[in-house]
PDB file of N, CA and C in Angstrom:
ATOM      1  N   MET A   1     108.159-102.085 138.150  1.00  0.00           N
ATOM      2  CA  MET A   1     108.095-102.715 136.857  1.00  0.00           C
ATOM      3  C   MET A   1     109.141-103.808 136.696  1.00  0.00           C
ATOM      4  N   GLU A   2     110.219-103.743 137.467  1.00  0.00           N
ATOM      5  CA  GLU A   2     111.290-104.729 137.369  1.00  0.00           C
ATOM      6  C   GLU A   2     110.770-106.128 137.685  1.00  0.00           C
ATOM      7  N   LYS A   3     109.850-106.246 138.663  1.00  0.00           N
ATOM      8  CA  LYS A   3     109.365-107.572 139.044  1.00  0.00           C
ATOM      9  C   LYS A   3     108.493-108.186 137.957  1.00  0.00           C
ATOM     10  N   ASP A   4     107.887-107.376 137.054  1.00  0.00           N
ATOM     11  CA  ASP A   4     107.075-107.896 135.961  1.00  0.00           C
ATOM     12  C   ASP A   4     107.860-108.818 135.040  1.00  0.00           C
ATOM     13  N   LYS A   5     109.170-108.624 134.959  1.00  0.00           N
ATOM     14  CA  LYS A   5     109.999-109.465 134.104  1.00  0.00           C
ATOM     15  C   LYS A   5     110.011-110.912 134.579  1.00  0.00           C
ATOM     16  N   PHE A   6     109.767-111.119 135.869  1.00  0.00           N
ATOM     17  CA  PHE A   6     109.861-112.450 136.447  1.00  0.00           C
ATOM     18  C   PHE A   6     108.503-113.143 136.584  1.00  0.00           C
ATOM     19  N   ILE A   7     107.436-112.463 136.218  1.00  0.00           N
ATOM     20  CA  ILE A   7     106.104-113.050 136.296  1.00  0.00           C
ATOM     21  C   ILE A   7     105.811-113.761 134.977  1.00  0.00           C
ATOM     22  N   SER A   8     105.361-115.005 135.058  1.00  0.00           N
ATOM     23  CA  SER A   8     105.057-115.762 133.842  1.00  0.00           C
ATOM     24  C   SER A   8     103.822-115.173 133.157  1.00  0.00           C
ATOM     25  N   LEU A   9     103.694-115.426 131.871  1.00  0.00           N
ATOM     26  CA  LEU A   9     102.531-114.937 131.131  1.00  0.00           C
ATOM     27  C   LEU A   9     101.223-115.446 131.720  1.00  0.00           C
ATOM     28  N   PRO A  10     101.102-116.739 132.036  1.00  0.00           N
ATOM     29  CA  PRO A  10      99.848-117.194 132.652  1.00  0.00           C
ATOM     30  C   PRO A  10      99.551-116.468 133.971  1.00  0.00           C
ATOM     31  N   ASP A  11     100.578-116.227 134.777  1.00  0.00           N
ATOM     32  CA  ASP A  11     100.359-115.514 136.034  1.00  0.00           C
ATOM     33  C   ASP A  11      99.922-114.074 135.789  1.00  0.00           C
ATOM     34  N   LYS A  12     100.450-113.442 134.748  1.00  0.00           N
ATOM     35  CA  LYS A  12     100.024-112.085 134.393  1.00  0.00           C
ATOM     36  C   LYS A  12      98.548-112.082 134.006  1.00  0.00           C
ATOM     37  N   ILE A  13      98.136-113.090 133.260  1.00  0.00           N
ATOM     38  CA  ILE A  13      96.741-113.173 132.832  1.00  0.00           C
ATOM     39  C   ILE A  13      95.828-113.341 134.034  1.00  0.00           C
ATOM     40  N   VAL A  14      96.196-114.215 134.951  1.00  0.00           N
ATOM     41  CA  VAL A  14      95.393-114.415 136.151  1.00  0.00           C
ATOM     42  C   VAL A  14      95.335-113.123 136.963  1.00  0.00           C
ATOM     43  N   GLU A  15      96.464-112.470 137.121  1.00  0.00           N
ATOM     44  CA  GLU A  15      96.522-111.218 137.882  1.00  0.00           C
ATOM     45  C   GLU A  15      95.620-110.157 137.249  1.00  0.00           C
ATOM     46  N   ILE A  16      95.679-110.027 135.945  1.00  0.00           N
ATOM     47  CA  ILE A  16      94.867-109.036 135.237  1.00  0.00           C
ATOM     48  C   ILE A  16      93.381-109.343 135.401  1.00  0.00           C
ATOM     49  N   THR A  17      92.994-110.594 135.224  1.00  0.00           N
ATOM     50  CA  THR A  17      91.577-110.948 135.230  1.00  0.00           C
ATOM     51  C   THR A  17      90.999-111.090 136.631  1.00  0.00           C
ATOM     52  N   ASN A  18      91.833-111.181 137.644  1.00  0.00           N
ATOM     53  CA  ASN A  18      91.314-111.228 139.011  1.00  0.00           C
ATOM     54  C   ASN A  18      90.773-109.879 139.450  1.00  0.00           C
ATOM     55  N   ASN A  19      91.103-108.834 138.729  1.00  0.00           N
ATOM     56  CA  ASN A  19      90.665-107.486 139.092  1.00  0.00           C
ATOM     57  C   ASN A  19      89.701-106.915 138.060  1.00  0.00           C
ATOM     58  N   LEU A  20      88.834-107.763 137.544  1.00  0.00           N
ATOM     59  CA  LEU A  20      87.881-107.320 136.523  1.00  0.00           C
ATOM     60  C   LEU A  20      86.875-106.335 137.092  1.00  0.00           C
ATOM     61  N   GLN A  21      86.595-105.329 136.300  1.00  0.00           N
ATOM     62  CA  GLN A  21      85.531-104.377 136.595  1.00  0.00           C
ATOM     63  C   GLN A  21      84.864-104.074 135.268  1.00  0.00           C
ATOM     64  N   LEU A  22      83.576-103.816 135.304  1.00  0.00           N
ATOM     65  CA  LEU A  22      82.846-103.596 134.059  1.00  0.00           C
ATOM     66  C   LEU A  22      83.427-102.466 133.223  1.00  0.00           C
ATOM     67  N   ASN A  23      83.922-101.428 133.866  1.00  0.00           N
ATOM     68  CA  ASN A  23      84.421-100.286 133.113  1.00  0.00           C
ATOM     69  C   ASN A  23      85.809-100.516 132.524  1.00  0.00           C
ATOM     70  N   SER A  24      86.440-101.620 132.834  1.00  0.00           N
ATOM     71  CA  SER A  24      87.793-101.862 132.333  1.00  0.00           C
ATOM     72  C   SER A  24      87.889-103.074 131.411  1.00  0.00           C
ATOM     73  N   ILE A  25      86.769-103.619 131.004  1.00  0.00           N
ATOM     74  CA  ILE A  25      86.778-104.856 130.218  1.00  0.00           C
ATOM     75  C   ILE A  25      87.546-104.704 128.907  1.00  0.00           C
ATOM     76  N   ASN A  26      87.309-103.632 128.170  1.00  0.00           N
ATOM     77  CA  ASN A  26      87.987-103.470 126.880  1.00  0.00           C
ATOM     78  C   ASN A  26      89.493-103.374 127.044  1.00  0.00           C
ATOM     79  N   GLU A  27      89.928-102.653 128.056  1.00  0.00           N
ATOM     80  CA  GLU A  27      91.368-102.524 128.323  1.00  0.00           C
ATOM     81  C   GLU A  27      91.968-103.874 128.704  1.00  0.00           C
ATOM     82  N   ILE A  28      91.290-104.583 129.560  1.00  0.00           N
ATOM     83  CA  ILE A  28      91.761-105.905 129.992  1.00  0.00           C
ATOM     84  C   ILE A  28      91.758-106.872 128.811  1.00  0.00           C
ATOM     85  N   ARG A  29      90.716-106.814 127.997  1.00  0.00           N
ATOM     86  CA  ARG A  29      90.621-107.701 126.841  1.00  0.00           C
ATOM     87  C   ARG A  29      91.798-107.475 125.892  1.00  0.00           C
ATOM     88  N   GLU A  30      92.157-106.223 125.669  1.00  0.00           N
ATOM     89  CA  GLU A  30      93.285-105.917 124.786  1.00  0.00           C
ATOM     90  C   GLU A  30      94.600-106.479 125.351  1.00  0.00           C
ATOM     91  N   LYS A  31      94.793-106.357 126.663  1.00  0.00           N
ATOM     92  CA  LYS A  31      95.989-106.915 127.295  1.00  0.00           C
ATOM     93  C   LYS A  31      96.001-108.435 127.162  1.00  0.00           C
ATOM     94  N   LEU A  32      94.823-109.039 127.373  1.00  0.00           N
ATOM     95  CA  LEU A  32      94.721-110.496 127.260  1.00  0.00           C
ATOM     96  C   LEU A  32      95.050-110.983 125.855  1.00  0.00           C
ATOM     97  N   LEU A  33      94.563-110.259 124.852  1.00  0.00           N
ATOM     98  CA  LEU A  33      94.824-110.667 123.466  1.00  0.00           C
ATOM     99  C   LEU A  33      96.315-110.757 123.182  1.00  0.00           C
ATOM    100  N   VAL A  34      97.049-109.770 123.640  1.00  0.00           N
ATOM    101  CA  VAL A  34      98.500-109.768 123.422  1.00  0.00           C
ATOM    102  C   VAL A  34      99.144-110.963 124.125  1.00  0.00           C
ATOM    103  N   LEU A  35      98.787-111.157 125.400  1.00  0.00           N
ATOM    104  CA  LEU A  35      99.397-112.234 126.185  1.00  0.00           C
ATOM    105  C   LEU A  35      98.998-113.618 125.667  1.00  0.00           C
ATOM    106  N   ILE A  36      97.740-113.786 125.316  1.00  0.00           N
ATOM    107  CA  ILE A  36      97.279-115.083 124.813  1.00  0.00           C
ATOM    108  C   ILE A  36      97.925-115.397 123.467  1.00  0.00           C
ATOM    109  N   ASN A  37      98.015-114.407 122.589  1.00  0.00           N
ATOM    110  CA  ASN A  37      98.698-114.632 121.306  1.00  0.00           C
ATOM    111  C   ASN A  37     100.144-115.048 121.518  1.00  0.00           C
ATOM    112  N   GLU A  38     100.790-114.425 122.483  1.00  0.00           N
ATOM    113  CA  GLU A  38     102.174-114.787 122.788  1.00  0.00           C
ATOM    114  C   GLU A  38     102.251-116.237 123.278  1.00  0.00           C
ATOM    115  N   LEU A  39     101.314-116.631 124.136  1.00  0.00           N
ATOM    116  CA  LEU A  39     101.299-118.015 124.615  1.00  0.00           C
ATOM    117  C   LEU A  39     101.007-118.992 123.474  1.00  0.00           C
ATOM    118  N   ILE A  40     100.077-118.636 122.601  1.00  0.00           N
ATOM    119  CA  ILE A  40      99.760-119.505 121.466  1.00  0.00           C
ATOM    120  C   ILE A  40     101.007-119.750 120.619  1.00  0.00           C
ATOM    121  N   ASN A  41     101.772-118.703 120.395  1.00  0.00           N
ATOM    122  CA  ASN A  41     102.940-118.790 119.521  1.00  0.00           C
ATOM    123  C   ASN A  41     104.181-119.353 120.197  1.00  0.00           C
ATOM    124  N   GLU A  42     104.329-119.152 121.506  1.00  0.00           N
ATOM    125  CA  GLU A  42     105.586-119.510 122.158  1.00  0.00           C
ATOM    126  C   GLU A  42     105.498-120.579 123.241  1.00  0.00           C
ATOM    127  N   ASP A  43     104.326-120.738 123.864  1.00  0.00           N
ATOM    128  CA  ASP A  43     104.230-121.688 124.972  1.00  0.00           C
ATOM    129  C   ASP A  43     102.793-122.209 125.091  1.00  0.00           C
ATOM    130  N   PHE A  44     102.374-122.962 124.091  1.00  0.00           N
ATOM    131  CA  PHE A  44     100.991-123.438 124.029  1.00  0.00           C
ATOM    132  C   PHE A  44     100.628-124.290 125.246  1.00  0.00           C
ATOM    133  N   HIS A  45     101.576-125.068 125.728  1.00  0.00           N
ATOM    134  CA  HIS A  45     101.331-125.917 126.902  1.00  0.00           C
ATOM    135  C   HIS A  45     100.930-125.068 128.113  1.00  0.00           C
ATOM    136  N   SER A  46     101.603-123.948 128.310  1.00  0.00           N
ATOM    137  CA  SER A  46     101.259-123.051 129.425  1.00  0.00           C
ATOM    138  C   SER A  46      99.871-122.455 129.251  1.00  0.00           C
ATOM    139  N   LEU A  47      99.474-122.204 128.020  1.00  0.00           N
ATOM    140  CA  LEU A  47      98.126-121.688 127.762  1.00  0.00           C
ATOM    141  C   LEU A  47      97.084-122.712 128.174  1.00  0.00           C
ATOM    142  N   ILE A  48      97.318-123.963 127.813  1.00  0.00           N
ATOM    143  CA  ILE A  48      96.387-125.035 128.181  1.00  0.00           C
ATOM    144  C   ILE A  48      96.298-125.150 129.710  1.00  0.00           C
ATOM    145  N   GLN A  49      97.439-125.100 130.377  1.00  0.00           N
ATOM    146  CA  GLN A  49      97.446-125.164 131.844  1.00  0.00           C
ATOM    147  C   GLN A  49      96.694-123.984 132.441  1.00  0.00           C
ATOM    148  N   LEU A  50      96.873-122.811 131.866  1.00  0.00           N
ATOM    149  CA  LEU A  50      96.181-121.618 132.340  1.00  0.00           C
ATOM    150  C   LEU A  50      94.669-121.784 132.225  1.00  0.00           C
ATOM    151  N   LEU A  51      94.209-122.291 131.100  1.00  0.00           N
ATOM    152  CA  LEU A  51      92.771-122.470 130.905  1.00  0.00           C
ATOM    153  C   LEU A  51      92.192-123.448 131.926  1.00  0.00           C
ATOM    154  N   TYR A  52      92.945-124.482 132.258  1.00  0.00           N
ATOM    155  CA  TYR A  52      92.510-125.402 133.313  1.00  0.00           C
ATOM    156  C   TYR A  52      92.537-124.704 134.669  1.00  0.00           C
ATOM    157  N   ARG A  53      93.562-123.933 134.914  1.00  0.00           N
ATOM    158  CA  ARG A  53      93.727-123.219 136.188  1.00  0.00           C
ATOM    159  C   ARG A  53      92.573-122.242 136.429  1.00  0.00           C
ATOM    160  N   ILE A  54      92.181-121.533 135.382  1.00  0.00           N
ATOM    161  CA  ILE A  54      91.082-120.581 135.505  1.00  0.00           C
ATOM    162  C   ILE A  54      89.742-121.316 135.473  1.00  0.00           C
ATOM    163  N   ASP A  55      89.760-122.541 135.007  1.00  0.00           N
ATOM    164  CA  ASP A  55      88.583-123.404 134.941  1.00  0.00           C
ATOM    165  C   ASP A  55      87.640-122.999 133.814  1.00  0.00           C
ATOM    166  N   VAL A  56      88.223-122.714 132.653  1.00  0.00           N
ATOM    167  CA  VAL A  56      87.416-122.446 131.463  1.00  0.00           C
ATOM    168  C   VAL A  56      87.001-123.805 130.899  1.00  0.00           C
ATOM    169  N   SER A  57      85.736-123.938 130.590  1.00  0.00           N
ATOM    170  CA  SER A  57      85.189-125.202 130.115  1.00  0.00           C
ATOM    171  C   SER A  57      85.831-125.636 128.799  1.00  0.00           C
ATOM    172  N   GLU A  58      86.418-126.825 128.819  1.00  0.00           N
ATOM    173  CA  GLU A  58      87.049-127.366 127.601  1.00  0.00           C
ATOM    174  C   GLU A  58      86.004-127.570 126.514  1.00  0.00           C
ATOM    175  N   LYS A  59      84.827-127.995 126.924  1.00  0.00           N
ATOM    176  CA  LYS A  59      83.732-128.213 125.976  1.00  0.00           C
ATOM    177  C   LYS A  59      83.359-126.895 125.287  1.00  0.00           C
ATOM    178  N   LYS A  60      83.290-125.819 126.056  1.00  0.00           N
ATOM    179  CA  LYS A  60      82.973-124.505 125.517  1.00  0.00           C
ATOM    180  C   LYS A  60      84.067-124.016 124.567  1.00  0.00           C
ATOM    181  N   ILE A  61      85.311-124.244 124.950  1.00  0.00           N
ATOM    182  CA  ILE A  61      86.432-123.837 124.099  1.00  0.00           C
ATOM    183  C   ILE A  61      86.323-124.518 122.742  1.00  0.00           C
ATOM    184  N   ARG A  62      86.151-125.828 122.754  1.00  0.00           N
ATOM    185  CA  ARG A  62      86.047-126.576 121.502  1.00  0.00           C
ATOM    186  C   ARG A  62      84.857-126.108 120.661  1.00  0.00           C
ATOM    187  N   LEU A  63      83.715-125.901 121.315  1.00  0.00           N
ATOM    188  CA  LEU A  63      82.514-125.468 120.619  1.00  0.00           C
ATOM    189  C   LEU A  63      82.723-124.114 119.952  1.00  0.00           C
ATOM    190  N   TYR A  64      83.238-123.136 120.717  1.00  0.00           N
ATOM    191  CA  TYR A  64      83.434-121.787 120.184  1.00  0.00           C
ATOM    192  C   TYR A  64      84.497-121.759 119.091  1.00  0.00           C
ATOM    193  N   LEU A  65      85.566-122.504 119.271  1.00  0.00           N
ATOM    194  CA  LEU A  65      86.614-122.525 118.242  1.00  0.00           C
ATOM    195  C   LEU A  65      86.101-123.157 116.948  1.00  0.00           C
ATOM    196  N   ASN A  66      85.227-124.160 117.060  1.00  0.00           N
ATOM    197  CA  ASN A  66      84.645-124.782 115.867  1.00  0.00           C
ATOM    198  C   ASN A  66      83.611-123.883 115.203  1.00  0.00           C
ATOM    199  N   GLU A  67      82.787-123.220 116.021  1.00  0.00           N
ATOM    200  CA  GLU A  67      81.738-122.359 115.478  1.00  0.00           C
ATOM    201  C   GLU A  67      82.295-121.091 114.847  1.00  0.00           C
ATOM    202  N   LYS A  68      83.371-120.579 115.405  1.00  0.00           N
ATOM    203  CA  LYS A  68      83.910-119.289 114.975  1.00  0.00           C
ATOM    204  C   LYS A  68      85.303-119.465 114.365  1.00  0.00           C
ATOM    205  N   GLN A  69      85.400-120.318 113.384  1.00  0.00           N
ATOM    206  CA  GLN A  69      86.692-120.638 112.783  1.00  0.00           C
ATOM    207  C   GLN A  69      87.358-119.447 112.099  1.00  0.00           C
ATOM    208  N   ASN A  70      86.582-118.477 111.681  1.00  0.00           N
ATOM    209  CA  ASN A  70      87.143-117.303 111.008  1.00  0.00           C
ATOM    210  C   ASN A  70      87.578-116.229 111.999  1.00  0.00           C
ATOM    211  N   GLU A  71      87.291-116.436 113.274  1.00  0.00           N
ATOM    212  CA  GLU A  71      87.644-115.454 114.301  1.00  0.00           C
ATOM    213  C   GLU A  71      88.988-115.814 114.928  1.00  0.00           C
ATOM    214  N   ASN A  72      89.680-114.817 115.413  1.00  0.00           N
ATOM    215  CA  ASN A  72      90.975-114.995 116.067  1.00  0.00           C
ATOM    216  C   ASN A  72      90.799-115.859 117.322  1.00  0.00           C
ATOM    217  N   ALA A  73      91.581-116.925 117.438  1.00  0.00           N
ATOM    218  CA  ALA A  73      91.482-117.833 118.582  1.00  0.00           C
ATOM    219  C   ALA A  73      91.768-117.104 119.899  1.00  0.00           C
ATOM    220  N   ALA A  74      92.718-116.186 119.890  1.00  0.00           N
ATOM    221  CA  ALA A  74      93.038-115.434 121.111  1.00  0.00           C
ATOM    222  C   ALA A  74      91.843-114.608 121.562  1.00  0.00           C
ATOM    223  N   SER A  75      91.101-114.078 120.624  1.00  0.00           N
ATOM    224  CA  SER A  75      89.914-113.286 120.936  1.00  0.00           C
ATOM    225  C   SER A  75      88.847-114.158 121.602  1.00  0.00           C
ATOM    226  N   ILE A  76      88.651-115.343 121.070  1.00  0.00           N
ATOM    227  CA  ILE A  76      87.677-116.283 121.639  1.00  0.00           C
ATOM    228  C   ILE A  76      88.100-116.676 123.048  1.00  0.00           C
ATOM    229  N   LEU A  77      89.368-117.017 123.224  1.00  0.00           N
ATOM    230  CA  LEU A  77      89.859-117.436 124.541  1.00  0.00           C
ATOM    231  C   LEU A  77      89.801-116.286 125.550  1.00  0.00           C
ATOM    232  N   ALA A  78      90.120-115.083 125.115  1.00  0.00           N
ATOM    233  CA  ALA A  78      90.051-113.922 126.013  1.00  0.00           C
ATOM    234  C   ALA A  78      88.624-113.733 126.509  1.00  0.00           C
ATOM    235  N   ASP A  79      87.664-113.828 125.603  1.00  0.00           N
ATOM    236  CA  ASP A  79      86.261-113.673 125.996  1.00  0.00           C
ATOM    237  C   ASP A  79      85.821-114.767 126.969  1.00  0.00           C
ATOM    238  N   LEU A  80      86.271-115.998 126.730  1.00  0.00           N
ATOM    239  CA  LEU A  80      85.914-117.102 127.632  1.00  0.00           C
ATOM    240  C   LEU A  80      86.555-116.936 129.009  1.00  0.00           C
ATOM    241  N   ILE A  81      87.785-116.446 129.048  1.00  0.00           N
ATOM    242  CA  ILE A  81      88.462-116.203 130.324  1.00  0.00           C
ATOM    243  C   ILE A  81      87.737-115.111 131.096  1.00  0.00           C
ATOM    244  N   ILE A  82      87.403-114.027 130.420  1.00  0.00           N
ATOM    245  CA  ILE A  82      86.686-112.932 131.084  1.00  0.00           C
ATOM    246  C   ILE A  82      85.334-113.404 131.596  1.00  0.00           C
ATOM    247  N   GLU A  83      84.622-114.167 130.769  1.00  0.00           N
ATOM    248  CA  GLU A  83      83.318-114.699 131.175  1.00  0.00           C
ATOM    249  C   GLU A  83      83.451-115.559 132.432  1.00  0.00           C
ATOM    250  N   ARG A  84      84.452-116.434 132.442  1.00  0.00           N
ATOM    251  CA  ARG A  84      84.645-117.326 133.595  1.00  0.00           C
ATOM    252  C   ARG A  84      85.012-116.546 134.852  1.00  0.00           C
ATOM    253  N   GLN A  85      85.844-115.528 134.701  1.00  0.00           N
ATOM    254  CA  GLN A  85      86.236-114.738 135.857  1.00  0.00           C
ATOM    255  C   GLN A  85      85.038-113.979 136.424  1.00  0.00           C
ATOM    256  N   PHE A  86      84.152-113.482 135.560  1.00  0.00           N
ATOM    257  CA  PHE A  86      82.940-112.827 136.049  1.00  0.00           C
ATOM    258  C   PHE A  86      82.030-113.820 136.766  1.00  0.00           C
ATOM    259  N   GLN A  87      81.968-115.044 136.276  1.00  0.00           N
ATOM    260  CA  GLN A  87      81.192-116.080 136.960  1.00  0.00           C
ATOM    261  C   GLN A  87      81.732-116.319 138.362  1.00  0.00           C
ATOM    262  N   LYS A  88      83.053-116.349 138.493  1.00  0.00           N
ATOM    263  CA  LYS A  88      83.671-116.544 139.803  1.00  0.00           C
ATOM    264  C   LYS A  88      83.365-115.376 140.735  1.00  0.00           C
ATOM    265  N   ILE A  89      83.410-114.162 140.203  1.00  0.00           N
ATOM    266  CA  ILE A  89      83.118-112.974 141.005  1.00  0.00           C
ATOM    267  C   ILE A  89      81.688-113.053 141.537  1.00  0.00           C
ATOM    268  N   GLU A  90      80.745-113.401 140.663  1.00  0.00           N
ATOM    269  CA  GLU A  90      79.344-113.518 141.074  1.00  0.00           C
ATOM    270  C   GLU A  90      79.167-114.613 142.117  1.00  0.00           C
ATOM    271  N   SER A  91      79.866-115.712 141.923  1.00  0.00           N
ATOM    272  CA  SER A  91      79.790-116.816 142.878  1.00  0.00           C
ATOM    273  C   SER A  91      80.327-116.396 144.246  1.00  0.00           C
ATOM    274  N   ARG A  92      81.441-115.674 144.242  1.00  0.00           N
ATOM    275  CA  ARG A  92      82.001-115.197 145.515  1.00  0.00           C
ATOM    276  C   ARG A  92      81.033-114.264 146.220  1.00  0.00           C
ATOM    277  N   LYS A  93      80.396-113.384 145.460  1.00  0.00           N
ATOM    278  CA  LYS A  93      79.424-112.460 146.052  1.00  0.00           C
ATOM    279  C   LYS A  93      78.267-113.237 146.667  1.00  0.00           C
ATOM    280  N   LYS A  94      77.797-114.222 145.922  1.00  0.00           N
ATOM    281  CA  LYS A  94      76.651-115.015 146.358  1.00  0.00           C
ATOM    282  C   LYS A  94      76.944-115.792 147.638  1.00  0.00           C
ATOM    283  N   PHE A  95      78.153-116.320 147.734  1.00  0.00           N
ATOM    284  CA  PHE A  95      78.481-117.175 148.857  1.00  0.00           C
ATOM    285  C   PHE A  95      79.403-116.525 149.881  1.00  0.00           C
ATOM    286  N   SER A  96      79.579-115.217 149.768  1.00  0.00           N
ATOM    287  CA  SER A  96      80.464-114.538 150.727  1.00  0.00           C
ATOM    288  C   SER A  96      79.847-114.571 152.121  1.00  0.00           C
ATOM    289  N   SER A  97      80.674-114.438 153.120  1.00  0.00           N
ATOM    290  CA  SER A  97      80.202-114.525 154.502  1.00  0.00           C
ATOM    291  C   SER A  97      79.242-113.399 154.844  1.00  0.00           C
ATOM    292  N   GLY A  98      79.321-112.278 154.147  1.00  0.00           N
ATOM    293  CA  GLY A  98      78.412-111.163 154.406  1.00  0.00           C
ATOM    294  C   GLY A  98      76.977-111.492 154.053  1.00  0.00           C
ATOM    295  N   ASN A  99      76.779-112.420 153.133  1.00  0.00           N
ATOM    296  CA  ASN A  99      75.428-112.795 152.727  1.00  0.00           C
ATOM    297  C   ASN A  99      74.854-113.918 153.586  1.00  0.00           C
ATOM    298  N   ASN A 100      75.674-114.524 154.401  1.00  0.00           N
ATOM    299  CA  ASN A 100      75.228-115.640 155.233  1.00  0.00           C
ATOM    300  C   ASN A 100      74.996-115.170 156.656  1.00  0.00           C
ATOM    301  N   LYS A 101      74.005-114.350 156.847  1.00  0.00           N
ATOM    302  CA  LYS A 101      73.696-113.854 158.181  1.00  0.00           C
ATOM    303  C   LYS A 101      73.198-115.008 159.028  1.00  0.00           C
ATOM    304  N   ASP A 102      73.278-114.842 160.322  1.00  0.00           N
ATOM    305  CA  ASP A 102      72.845-115.904 161.220  1.00  0.00           C
ATOM    306  C   ASP A 102      71.423-116.341 160.899  1.00  0.00           C
ATOM    307  N   SER A 103      71.303-117.515 160.384  1.00  0.00           N
ATOM    308  CA  SER A 103      69.989-118.045 160.026  1.00  0.00           C
ATOM    309  C   SER A 103      69.529-119.072 161.038  1.00  0.00           C
ATOM    310  N   GLY A 104      70.310-119.256 162.080  1.00  0.00           N
ATOM    311  CA  GLY A 104      69.952-120.239 163.078  1.00  0.00           C
ATOM    312  C   GLY A 104      70.464-121.622 162.733  1.00  0.00           C
ATOM    313  N   GLU A 105      71.011-121.784 161.533  1.00  0.00           N
ATOM    314  CA  GLU A 105      71.543-123.078 161.134  1.00  0.00           C
ATOM    315  C   GLU A 105      72.948-123.245 161.678  1.00  0.00           C
ATOM    316  N   GLU A 106      73.342-124.482 161.843  1.00  0.00           N
ATOM    317  CA  GLU A 106      74.694-124.757 162.297  1.00  0.00           C
ATOM    318  C   GLU A 106      75.690-124.361 161.221  1.00  0.00           C
ATOM    319  N   LYS A 107      76.817-123.808 161.652  1.00  0.00           N
ATOM    320  CA  LYS A 107      77.885-123.481 160.715  1.00  0.00           C
ATOM    321  C   LYS A 107      78.948-124.557 160.822  1.00  0.00           C
ATOM    322  N   TRP A 108      79.487-124.936 159.739  1.00  0.00           N
ATOM    323  CA  TRP A 108      80.496-125.981 159.741  1.00  0.00           C
ATOM    324  C   TRP A 108      81.809-125.374 159.914  1.00  0.00           C
TER     325      TRP A 108
END
């Protein structure tokens, strides 16, 4: 636990969301809400960098924040981060080397 003190909030968020599993979404979402709220209040610039790092669509962020103005911004961002991480997981599965059996095509 001592090393957790030296991990930045954005890095904690990435670490948490890199290990997404369907049965742990609510727990992860609750952790994200706390961390994102902290970033909103104390280091907004790092939050913006994190969203770019995770590759959350800026267009989607703006759309959801405008549509759901009465909802907590951290909640919206947490959901978008989780959604994006699941997209990455699916993409990795789709393009993993295990799915690319020898098809006779040249490999680069």
